[in-house]
C-alpha atoms as a PDB file:
ATOM      1  CA  UNK A   1      17.679  17.710   8.248  1.00  0.00           C
ATOM      2  CA  UNK A   2      17.306  17.051   4.531  1.00  0.00           C
ATOM      3  CA  UNK A   3      20.220  17.051   2.136  1.00  0.00           C
ATOM      4  CA  UNK A   4      20.276  19.757  -0.552  1.00  0.00           C
ATOM      5  CA  UNK A   5      19.143  17.189  -3.129  1.00  0.00           C
ATOM      6  CA  UNK A   6      16.222  16.106  -0.946  1.00  0.00           C
ATOM      7  CA  UNK A   7      15.150  19.701  -0.375  1.00  0.00           C
ATOM      8  CA  UNK A   8      14.974  20.223  -4.136  1.00  0.00           C
ATOM      9  CA  UNK A   9      12.746  17.146  -4.465  1.00  0.00           C
ATOM     10  CA  UNK A  10      10.525  18.390  -1.634  1.00  0.00           C
ATOM     11  CA  UNK A  11      10.191  21.853  -3.220  1.00  0.00           C
ATOM     12  CA  UNK A  12       8.625  20.251  -6.314  1.00  0.00           C
ATOM     13  CA  UNK A  13       5.889  18.575  -4.253  1.00  0.00           C
ATOM     14  CA  UNK A  14       2.656  20.373  -3.233  1.00  0.00           C
ATOM     15  CA  UNK A  15       3.526  22.265  -0.063  1.00  0.00           C
ATOM     16  CA  UNK A  16       1.293  25.344  -0.335  1.00  0.00           C
ATOM     17  CA  UNK A  17      -2.413  25.924  -0.858  1.00  0.00           C
ATOM     18  CA  UNK A  18      -1.777  27.218  -4.393  1.00  0.00           C
ATOM     19  CA  UNK A  19       0.224  24.137  -5.379  1.00  0.00           C
ATOM     20  CA  UNK A  20      -2.445  21.807  -3.963  1.00  0.00           C
ATOM     21  CA  UNK A  21      -5.068  23.460  -6.176  1.00  0.00           C
ATOM     22  CA  UNK A  22      -2.710  23.426  -9.180  1.00  0.00           C
ATOM     23  CA  UNK A  23      -2.069  19.701  -8.653  1.00  0.00           C
ATOM     24  CA  UNK A  24      -5.802  18.952  -8.573  1.00  0.00           C
ATOM     25  CA  UNK A  25      -6.463  21.113 -11.643  1.00  0.00           C
ATOM     26  CA  UNK A  26      -3.752  19.185 -13.489  1.00  0.00           C
ATOM     27  CA  UNK A  27      -5.316  15.914 -12.324  1.00  0.00           C
ATOM     28  CA  UNK A  28      -8.694  17.016 -13.684  1.00  0.00           C
ATOM     29  CA  UNK A  29      -7.070  17.909 -16.999  1.00  0.00           C
ATOM     30  CA  UNK A  30      -5.413  14.480 -17.209  1.00  0.00           C
ATOM     31  CA  UNK A  31      -8.730  12.756 -16.451  1.00  0.00           C
ATOM     32  CA  UNK A  32     -10.528  14.746 -19.173  1.00  0.00           C
ATOM     33  CA  UNK A  33      -7.764  13.870 -21.640  1.00  0.00           C
ATOM     34  CA  UNK A  34      -8.036  10.163 -20.783  1.00  0.00           C
ATOM     35  CA  UNK A  35     -11.819  10.293 -21.066  1.00  0.00           C
ATOM     36  CA  UNK A  36     -11.625  11.797 -24.561  1.00  0.00           C
ATOM     37  CA  UNK A  37      -8.645   9.931 -25.990  1.00  0.00           C
ATOM     38  CA  UNK A  38      -8.301   6.603 -24.207  1.00  0.00           C
ATOM     39  CA  UNK A  39     -11.290   5.912 -21.948  1.00  0.00           C
ATOM     40  CA  UNK A  40     -10.758   3.230 -19.311  1.00  0.00           C
ATOM     41  CA  UNK A  41     -14.079   3.767 -17.539  1.00  0.00           C
ATOM     42  CA  UNK A  42     -17.709   4.593 -18.257  1.00  0.00           C
ATOM     43  CA  UNK A  43     -18.825   8.154 -18.927  1.00  0.00           C
ATOM     44  CA  UNK A  44     -20.797   8.127 -15.643  1.00  0.00           C
ATOM     45  CA  UNK A  45     -17.606   7.230 -13.759  1.00  0.00           C
ATOM     46  CA  UNK A  46     -15.647  10.112 -15.311  1.00  0.00           C
ATOM     47  CA  UNK A  47     -18.439  12.642 -14.788  1.00  0.00           C
ATOM     48  CA  UNK A  48     -18.797  11.684 -11.105  1.00  0.00           C
ATOM     49  CA  UNK A  49     -15.030  11.854 -10.516  1.00  0.00           C
ATOM     50  CA  UNK A  50     -14.642  15.239 -12.231  1.00  0.00           C
ATOM     51  CA  UNK A  51     -17.595  16.686 -10.322  1.00  0.00           C
ATOM     52  CA  UNK A  52     -16.101  15.448  -7.053  1.00  0.00           C
ATOM     53  CA  UNK A  53     -12.718  17.035  -7.831  1.00  0.00           C
ATOM     54  CA  UNK A  54     -14.426  20.343  -8.685  1.00  0.00           C
ATOM     55  CA  UNK A  55     -16.232  20.317  -5.330  1.00  0.00           C
ATOM     56  CA  UNK A  56     -13.029  19.526  -3.428  1.00  0.00           C
ATOM     57  CA  UNK A  57     -11.082  22.273  -5.215  1.00  0.00           C
ATOM     58  CA  UNK A  58     -13.761  24.760  -4.124  1.00  0.00           C
ATOM     59  CA  UNK A  59     -13.603  23.366  -0.582  1.00  0.00           C
ATOM     60  CA  UNK A  60      -9.820  23.723  -0.395  1.00  0.00           C
ATOM     61  CA  UNK A  61     -10.004  27.228  -1.895  1.00  0.00           C
ATOM     62  CA  UNK A  62     -12.247  28.314   0.980  1.00  0.00           C
ATOM     63  CA  UNK A  63      -9.987  26.901   3.721  1.00  0.00           C
ATOM     64  CA  UNK A  64      -7.053  28.409   5.567  1.00  0.00           C
ATOM     65  CA  UNK A  65      -4.262  25.957   4.814  1.00  0.00           C
ATOM     66  CA  UNK A  66      -0.745  26.532   6.146  1.00  0.00           C
ATOM     67  CA  UNK A  67       2.442  26.201   4.117  1.00  0.00           C
ATOM     68  CA  UNK A  68       3.935  22.778   4.844  1.00  0.00           C
ATOM     69  CA  UNK A  69       7.280  22.900   6.705  1.00  0.00           C
ATOM     70  CA  UNK A  70      10.380  21.284   5.255  1.00  0.00           C
ATOM     71  CA  UNK A  71       9.968  17.549   4.842  1.00  0.00           C
ATOM     72  CA  UNK A  72       6.151  17.671   4.729  1.00  0.00           C
ATOM     73  CA  UNK A  73       3.955  17.816   1.637  1.00  0.00           C
ATOM     74  CA  UNK A  74       0.288  17.602   0.708  1.00  0.00           C
ATOM     75  CA  UNK A  75      -1.295  14.756  -1.203  1.00  0.00           C
ATOM     76  CA  UNK A  76      -4.809  14.027  -2.344  1.00  0.00           C
ATOM     77  CA  UNK A  77      -6.454  10.618  -2.489  1.00  0.00           C
ATOM     78  CA  UNK A  78      -9.801   9.467  -3.847  1.00  0.00           C
ATOM     79  CA  UNK A  79     -11.099   6.086  -2.671  1.00  0.00           C
ATOM     80  CA  UNK A  80     -14.463   4.390  -3.013  1.00  0.00           C
ATOM     81  CA  UNK A  81     -15.546   6.137   0.195  1.00  0.00           C
ATOM     82  CA  UNK A  82     -14.098   9.640   0.170  1.00  0.00           C
ATOM     83  CA  UNK A  83     -11.813  12.269  -1.295  1.00  0.00           C
ATOM     84  CA  UNK A  84      -9.167  13.287   1.246  1.00  0.00           C
ATOM     85  CA  UNK A  85      -6.428  15.868   1.599  1.00  0.00           C
ATOM     86  CA  UNK A  86      -3.444  14.601   3.587  1.00  0.00           C
ATOM     87  CA  UNK A  87      -0.284  16.165   4.906  1.00  0.00           C
ATOM     88  CA  UNK A  88       2.556  13.639   4.844  1.00  0.00           C
ATOM     89  CA  UNK A  89       6.075  13.487   6.195  1.00  0.00           C
ATOM     90  CA  UNK A  90       9.058  12.243   4.190  1.00  0.00           C
ATOM     91  CA  UNK A  91      11.342  10.158   6.383  1.00  0.00           C
ATOM     92  CA  UNK A  92      13.838   9.484   3.609  1.00  0.00           C
ATOM     93  CA  UNK A  93      14.292   9.777  -0.159  1.00  0.00           C
ATOM     94  CA  UNK A  94      15.868   6.800  -1.902  1.00  0.00           C
ATOM     95  CA  UNK A  95      16.575   5.621  -5.424  1.00  0.00           C
ATOM     96  CA  UNK A  96      15.379   2.351  -6.898  1.00  0.00           C
ATOM     97  CA  UNK A  97      17.456   0.145  -9.200  1.00  0.00           C
ATOM     98  CA  UNK A  98      16.342   2.200 -12.204  1.00  0.00           C
ATOM     99  CA  UNK A  99      17.405   5.496 -10.642  1.00  0.00           C
ATOM    100  CA  UNK A 100      13.838   6.639  -9.867  1.00  0.00           C
ATOM    101  CA  UNK A 101      13.238   8.535  -6.639  1.00  0.00           C
ATOM    102  CA  UNK A 102      11.282   6.662  -3.966  1.00  0.00           C
ATOM    103  CA  UNK A 103       9.783   8.350  -0.897  1.00  0.00           C
ATOM    104  CA  UNK A 104       9.716   6.704   2.524  1.00  0.00           C
ATOM    105  CA  UNK A 105       6.618   8.136   4.260  1.00  0.00           C
ATOM    106  CA  UNK A 106       6.420   7.681   8.025  1.00  0.00           C
ATOM    107  CA  UNK A 107       3.609  10.056   9.056  1.00  0.00           C
ATOM    108  CA  UNK A 108       0.286  10.957   7.448  1.00  0.00           C
ATOM    109  CA  UNK A 109      -2.624  13.062   8.714  1.00  0.00           C
ATOM    110  CA  UNK A 110      -5.965  13.675   7.029  1.00  0.00           C
ATOM    111  CA  UNK A 111      -7.014  17.333   6.987  1.00  0.00           C
ATOM    112  CA  UNK A 112     -10.087  17.336   4.744  1.00  0.00           C
ATOM    113  CA  UNK A 113     -12.424  14.428   4.052  1.00  0.00           C
ATOM    114  CA  UNK A 114     -15.147  14.815   1.411  1.00  0.00           C
ATOM    115  CA  UNK A 115     -17.510  11.810   1.181  1.00  0.00           C
ATOM    116  CA  UNK A 116     -18.225  10.143  -2.152  1.00  0.00           C
ATOM    117  CA  UNK A 117     -21.919   9.974  -3.059  1.00  0.00           C
ATOM    118  CA  UNK A 118     -23.359   6.495  -2.547  1.00  0.00           C
ATOM    119  CA  UNK A 119     -25.993   4.950  -4.808  1.00  0.00           C
ATOM    120  CA  UNK A 120     -28.590   2.380  -3.837  1.00  0.00           C
ATOM    121  CA  UNK A 121     -28.557  -0.947  -5.660  1.00  0.00           C
ATOM    122  CA  UNK A 122     -31.586   0.239  -7.619  1.00  0.00           C
ATOM    123  CA  UNK A 123     -29.936   3.535  -8.606  1.00  0.00           C
ATOM    124  CA  UNK A 124     -26.748   1.793  -9.731  1.00  0.00           C
ATOM    125  CA  UNK A 125     -28.781  -0.708 -11.743  1.00  0.00           C
ATOM    126  CA  UNK A 126     -30.712   2.055 -13.501  1.00  0.00           C
ATOM    127  CA  UNK A 127     -27.514   3.996 -14.237  1.00  0.00           C
ATOM    128  CA  UNK A 128     -25.834   0.875 -15.613  1.00  0.00           C
ATOM    129  CA  UNK A 129     -28.980  -0.160 -17.559  1.00  0.00           C
ATOM    130  CA  UNK A 130     -29.132  -3.598 -15.977  1.00  0.00           C
ATOM    131  CA  UNK A 131     -31.467  -5.488 -13.654  1.00  0.00           C
ATOM    132  CA  UNK A 132     -31.267  -4.897  -9.913  1.00  0.00           C
ATOM    133  CA  UNK A 133     -30.883  -8.642  -9.345  1.00  0.00           C
ATOM    134  CA  UNK A 134     -27.706  -8.588 -11.466  1.00  0.00           C
ATOM    135  CA  UNK A 135     -26.112  -5.990  -9.163  1.00  0.00           C
ATOM    136  CA  UNK A 136     -26.928  -8.119  -6.123  1.00  0.00           C
ATOM    137  CA  UNK A 137     -25.422 -11.158  -7.841  1.00  0.00           C
ATOM    138  CA  UNK A 138     -22.224  -9.199  -8.536  1.00  0.00           C
ATOM    139  CA  UNK A 139     -21.972  -8.268  -4.861  1.00  0.00           C
ATOM    140  CA  UNK A 140     -22.707 -11.802  -3.649  1.00  0.00           C
ATOM    141  CA  UNK A 141     -20.075 -13.251  -6.004  1.00  0.00           C
ATOM    142  CA  UNK A 142     -17.391 -10.769  -4.948  1.00  0.00           C
ATOM    143  CA  UNK A 143     -17.274  -9.026  -8.325  1.00  0.00           C
ATOM    144  CA  UNK A 144     -18.447  -5.562  -7.204  1.00  0.00           C
ATOM    145  CA  UNK A 145     -15.662  -5.000  -4.693  1.00  0.00           C
ATOM    146  CA  UNK A 146     -16.407  -1.308  -4.164  1.00  0.00           C
ATOM    147  CA  UNK A 147     -19.801  -2.073  -2.635  1.00  0.00           C
ATOM    148  CA  UNK A 148     -20.260  -0.854   0.948  1.00  0.00           C
ATOM    149  CA  UNK A 149     -22.503  -2.400   3.604  1.00  0.00           C
ATOM    150  CA  UNK A 150     -24.539   0.327   5.361  1.00  0.00           C
ATOM    151  CA  UNK A 151     -26.552  -1.313   8.094  1.00  0.00           C
ATOM    152  CA  UNK A 152     -28.451  -4.066   6.331  1.00  0.00           C
ATOM    153  CA  UNK A 153     -28.358  -2.429   2.907  1.00  0.00           C
ATOM    154  CA  UNK A 154     -25.734  -2.289   0.168  1.00  0.00           C
ATOM    155  CA  UNK A 155     -24.554   0.989  -1.332  1.00  0.00           C
ATOM    156  CA  UNK A 156     -22.316   1.498  -4.370  1.00  0.00           C
ATOM    157  CA  UNK A 157     -20.033   4.552  -4.636  1.00  0.00           C
ATOM    158  CA  UNK A 158     -20.896   6.807  -7.550  1.00  0.00           C
ATOM    159  CA  UNK A 159     -17.327   6.425  -8.830  1.00  0.00           C
ATOM    160  CA  UNK A 160     -17.730   2.751  -9.737  1.00  0.00           C
ATOM    161  CA  UNK A 161     -17.803   0.859 -13.025  1.00  0.00           C
ATOM    162  CA  UNK A 162     -19.824  -2.308 -13.628  1.00  0.00           C
ATOM    163  CA  UNK A 163     -17.422  -5.278 -13.282  1.00  0.00           C
ATOM    164  CA  UNK A 164     -15.856  -6.790 -16.378  1.00  0.00           C
ATOM    165  CA  UNK A 165     -16.217 -10.428 -17.387  1.00  0.00           C
ATOM    166  CA  UNK A 166     -13.897 -12.947 -15.802  1.00  0.00           C
ATOM    167  CA  UNK A 167     -11.863 -12.827 -12.609  1.00  0.00           C
ATOM    168  CA  UNK A 168      -9.623  -9.904 -11.633  1.00  0.00           C
ATOM    169  CA  UNK A 169      -6.867 -10.431  -9.003  1.00  0.00           C
ATOM    170  CA  UNK A 170      -7.293  -8.389  -5.839  1.00  0.00           C
ATOM    171  CA  UNK A 171      -5.449  -7.532  -2.631  1.00  0.00           C
ATOM    172  CA  UNK A 172      -7.276  -6.850   0.641  1.00  0.00           C
ATOM    173  CA  UNK A 173      -5.701  -4.938   3.529  1.00  0.00           C
ATOM    174  CA  UNK A 174      -6.347  -5.446   7.229  1.00  0.00           C
ATOM    175  CA  UNK A 175      -4.434  -2.983   9.420  1.00  0.00           C
ATOM    176  CA  UNK A 176      -4.926  -4.870  12.666  1.00  0.00           C
ATOM    177  CA  UNK A 177      -8.705  -5.110  13.074  1.00  0.00           C
ATOM    178  CA  UNK A 178     -10.353  -8.288  14.294  1.00  0.00           C
ATOM    179  CA  UNK A 179     -11.242 -10.524  11.353  1.00  0.00           C
ATOM    180  CA  UNK A 180     -12.955 -13.876  11.637  1.00  0.00           C
ATOM    181  CA  UNK A 181     -12.656 -16.162   8.604  1.00  0.00           C
ATOM    182  CA  UNK A 182     -14.484 -19.417   7.818  1.00  0.00           C
ATOM    183  CA  UNK A 183     -13.061 -22.398   9.739  1.00  0.00           C
ATOM    184  CA  UNK A 184     -12.380 -24.328   6.550  1.00  0.00           C
ATOM    185  CA  UNK A 185      -9.717 -21.779   5.566  1.00  0.00           C
ATOM    186  CA  UNK A 186      -7.625 -22.854   8.530  1.00  0.00           C
ATOM    187  CA  UNK A 187      -6.265 -19.365   9.233  1.00  0.00           C
ATOM    188  CA  UNK A 188      -6.768 -17.273  12.362  1.00  0.00           C
ATOM    189  CA  UNK A 189      -6.058 -13.587  11.742  1.00  0.00           C
ATOM    190  CA  UNK A 190      -7.548 -12.151  14.941  1.00  0.00           C
ATOM    191  CA  UNK A 191      -5.961  -8.678  15.144  1.00  0.00           C
ATOM    192  CA  UNK A 192      -2.775  -9.308  13.182  1.00  0.00           C
ATOM    193  CA  UNK A 193      -2.089  -6.774  10.409  1.00  0.00           C
ATOM    194  CA  UNK A 194      -1.989  -8.591   7.083  1.00  0.00           C
ATOM    195  CA  UNK A 195      -2.643  -8.442   3.379  1.00  0.00           C
ATOM    196  CA  UNK A 196      -4.776 -11.015   1.617  1.00  0.00           C
ATOM    197  CA  UNK A 197      -4.060 -11.691  -2.056  1.00  0.00           C
ATOM    198  CA  UNK A 198      -6.506 -13.632  -4.234  1.00  0.00           C
ATOM    199  CA  UNK A 199      -5.322 -14.771  -7.657  1.00  0.00           C
ATOM    200  CA  UNK A 200      -5.991 -17.529 -10.137  1.00  0.00           C
ATOM    201  CA  UNK A 201      -4.003 -20.569  -9.040  1.00  0.00           C
ATOM    202  CA  UNK A 202      -1.184 -21.743 -11.291  1.00  0.00           C
ATOM    203  CA  UNK A 203      -2.996 -24.999 -11.899  1.00  0.00           C
ATOM    204  CA  UNK A 204      -6.045 -23.011 -13.078  1.00  0.00           C
ATOM    205  CA  UNK A 205      -8.235 -25.287 -10.977  1.00  0.00           C
ATOM    206  CA  UNK A 206      -9.262 -22.670  -8.480  1.00  0.00           C
ATOM    207  CA  UNK A 207      -8.099 -19.509  -6.752  1.00  0.00           C
ATOM    208  CA  UNK A 208      -4.972 -19.080  -4.672  1.00  0.00           C
ATOM    209  CA  UNK A 209      -5.420 -17.064  -1.500  1.00  0.00           C
ATOM    210  CA  UNK A 210      -2.258 -15.817   0.199  1.00  0.00           C
ATOM    211  CA  UNK A 211      -2.146 -14.413   3.737  1.00  0.00           C
ATOM    212  CA  UNK A 212       0.948 -12.335   4.470  1.00  0.00           C
ATOM    213  CA  UNK A 213       1.325 -11.239   8.088  1.00  0.00           C
ATOM    214  CA  UNK A 214       3.224  -8.791  10.212  1.00  0.00           C
ATOM    215  CA  UNK A 215       5.295 -10.314  11.784  1.00  0.00           C
ATOM    216  CA  UNK A 216       6.265 -12.367   8.744  1.00  0.00           C
ATOM    217  CA  UNK A 217       4.087 -15.405   8.179  1.00  0.00           C
ATOM    218  CA  UNK A 218       2.678 -16.716   4.931  1.00  0.00           C
ATOM    219  CA  UNK A 219      -0.224 -19.082   4.500  1.00  0.00           C
ATOM    220  CA  UNK A 220      -1.476 -20.293   1.125  1.00  0.00           C
ATOM    221  CA  UNK A 221      -4.610 -22.184   0.193  1.00  0.00           C
ATOM    222  CA  UNK A 222      -6.368 -23.032  -3.075  1.00  0.00           C
ATOM    223  CA  UNK A 223     -10.050 -22.101  -3.097  1.00  0.00           C
ATOM    224  CA  UNK A 224     -13.014 -23.246  -5.108  1.00  0.00           C
ATOM    225  CA  UNK A 225     -15.343 -20.708  -6.745  1.00  0.00           C
ATOM    226  CA  UNK A 226     -17.797 -21.013  -3.867  1.00  0.00           C
ATOM    227  CA  UNK A 227     -15.076 -20.580  -1.229  1.00  0.00           C
ATOM    228  CA  UNK A 228     -13.624 -17.520  -2.952  1.00  0.00           C
ATOM    229  CA  UNK A 229     -17.055 -15.900  -3.280  1.00  0.00           C
ATOM    230  CA  UNK A 230     -17.819 -16.579   0.388  1.00  0.00           C
ATOM    231  CA  UNK A 231     -14.528 -15.059   1.577  1.00  0.00           C
ATOM    232  CA  UNK A 232     -14.703 -12.027  -0.713  1.00  0.00           C
ATOM    233  CA  UNK A 233     -18.275 -11.258   0.385  1.00  0.00           C
ATOM    234  CA  UNK A 234     -17.116 -11.483   4.007  1.00  0.00           C
ATOM    235  CA  UNK A 235     -14.185  -9.131   3.339  1.00  0.00           C
ATOM    236  CA  UNK A 236     -16.274  -6.640   1.338  1.00  0.00           C
ATOM    237  CA  UNK A 237     -18.892  -6.590   4.118  1.00  0.00           C
ATOM    238  CA  UNK A 238     -16.266  -5.587   6.709  1.00  0.00           C
ATOM    239  CA  UNK A 239     -15.940  -1.778   6.842  1.00  0.00           C
ATOM    240  CA  UNK A 240     -12.428  -2.060   8.337  1.00  0.00           C
ATOM    241  CA  UNK A 241     -11.076  -3.931   5.315  1.00  0.00           C
ATOM    242  CA  UNK A 242      -9.879  -2.033   2.238  1.00  0.00           C
ATOM    243  CA  UNK A 243      -8.823  -3.434  -1.110  1.00  0.00           C
ATOM    244  CA  UNK A 244      -6.752  -2.578  -4.157  1.00  0.00           C
ATOM    245  CA  UNK A 245      -9.919  -1.791  -6.137  1.00  0.00           C
ATOM    246  CA  UNK A 246     -10.971   0.898  -3.657  1.00  0.00           C
ATOM    247  CA  UNK A 247      -8.294   3.473  -4.608  1.00  0.00           C
ATOM    248  CA  UNK A 248      -9.460   5.634  -7.514  1.00  0.00           C
ATOM    249  CA  UNK A 249      -6.432   7.903  -7.698  1.00  0.00           C
ATOM    250  CA  UNK A 250      -3.653   9.601  -5.725  1.00  0.00           C
ATOM    251  CA  UNK A 251      -2.023  12.936  -6.552  1.00  0.00           C
ATOM    252  CA  UNK A 252       0.775  13.871  -6.890  1.00  0.00           C
ATOM    253  CA  UNK A 253       1.842  10.581  -8.412  1.00  0.00           C
ATOM    254  CA  UNK A 254       4.981   9.709  -6.492  1.00  0.00           C
ATOM    255  CA  UNK A 255       6.657   6.365  -5.926  1.00  0.00           C
ATOM    256  CA  UNK A 256       6.810   5.199  -2.319  1.00  0.00           C
ATOM    257  CA  UNK A 257       8.679   2.541  -0.403  1.00  0.00           C
ATOM    258  CA  UNK A 258       6.405  -0.512  -0.407  1.00  0.00           C
ATOM    259  CA  UNK A 259       5.245  -1.627   3.027  1.00  0.00           C
ATOM    260  CA  UNK A 260       3.243  -4.728   3.783  1.00  0.00           C
ATOM    261  CA  UNK A 261       0.747  -2.789   5.869  1.00  0.00           C
ATOM    262  CA  UNK A 262       0.593   0.973   6.401  1.00  0.00           C
ATOM    263  CA  UNK A 263       2.314   1.886   9.650  1.00  0.00           C
ATOM    264  CA  UNK A 264       1.917   5.658   9.672  1.00  0.00           C
ATOM    265  CA  UNK A 265       2.189   7.293  13.075  1.00  0.00           C
ATOM    266  CA  UNK A 266      -1.184   8.118  14.567  1.00  0.00           C
ATOM    267  CA  UNK A 267      -2.163  10.744  17.101  1.00  0.00           C
ATOM    268  CA  UNK A 268      -2.055  14.520  17.169  1.00  0.00           C
ATOM    269  CA  UNK A 269       0.076  16.338  14.670  1.00  0.00           C
ATOM    270  CA  UNK A 270       3.184  18.103  15.968  1.00  0.00           C
ATOM    271  CA  UNK A 271       2.628  21.780  15.259  1.00  0.00           C
ATOM    272  CA  UNK A 272       5.365  24.405  15.752  1.00  0.00           C
ATOM    273  CA  UNK A 273       4.583  26.976  18.439  1.00  0.00           C
ATOM    274  CA  UNK A 274       4.031  29.784  15.935  1.00  0.00           C
ATOM    275  CA  UNK A 275       1.354  27.933  13.959  1.00  0.00           C
ATOM    276  CA  UNK A 276      -2.329  28.702  14.331  1.00  0.00           C
ATOM    277  CA  UNK A 277      -3.815  25.652  16.055  1.00  0.00           C
ATOM    278  CA  UNK A 278      -7.310  26.472  14.769  1.00  0.00           C
ATOM    279  CA  UNK A 279      -6.536  26.301  11.042  1.00  0.00           C
ATOM    280  CA  UNK A 280      -8.783  23.318  10.448  1.00  0.00           C
END
């Protein structure tokens, strides 16, 4: 059971249909404010994101969604692939060194999944007012990390900006899927959960790639431009691999206990006997 303090924290999180919709409306308002006052993205990016949120709010409004029991709350996440409504379980509530509340989430289940519209390379090029060959070069060089391989063709989520100049650090996540890397890297991941960080090396002579495993194991290697591009293209092409650039936004904005790789419980959700099992 939760302590009284924890229950008060939980009560302020979205736990009813009305509070889910209110949270998303507030998110839309914040996005509009950012777009008008301090834009971080292109106008096309903002318009696509706002339209997606409007569609999801209508979708949620039409659904029968139960009130979350104590310890559970709803959250909403937009990635480069979809907009999803989750119900999540709080295992514990902690405080960090600055006194901020931190949630330890141990279970998460997706209830609604709304796909993000995908653009062809040609469509993205036209929207961005650039040549199609430039888009393909960005993908090949690992600069358009939101690109998705669909069969033999590349697609770019509508909520995507053209990449900026220079290199941006990135983290890739592999939650235990088989991953074969080039032999010259000297690392065998197989089906080990891991994160893969790629940054500029301290010597500024290449890129530092860091493999961090569960169980704990760290492997570092400095890459050339060509090696980094080859590895990033391989990772982007793998539909089981996600990266730090793929998350557009998460609401409500709460701080969570950092975990190397997500280890949420999978399987059927435990529903109390008096709940309607056909709500979804």
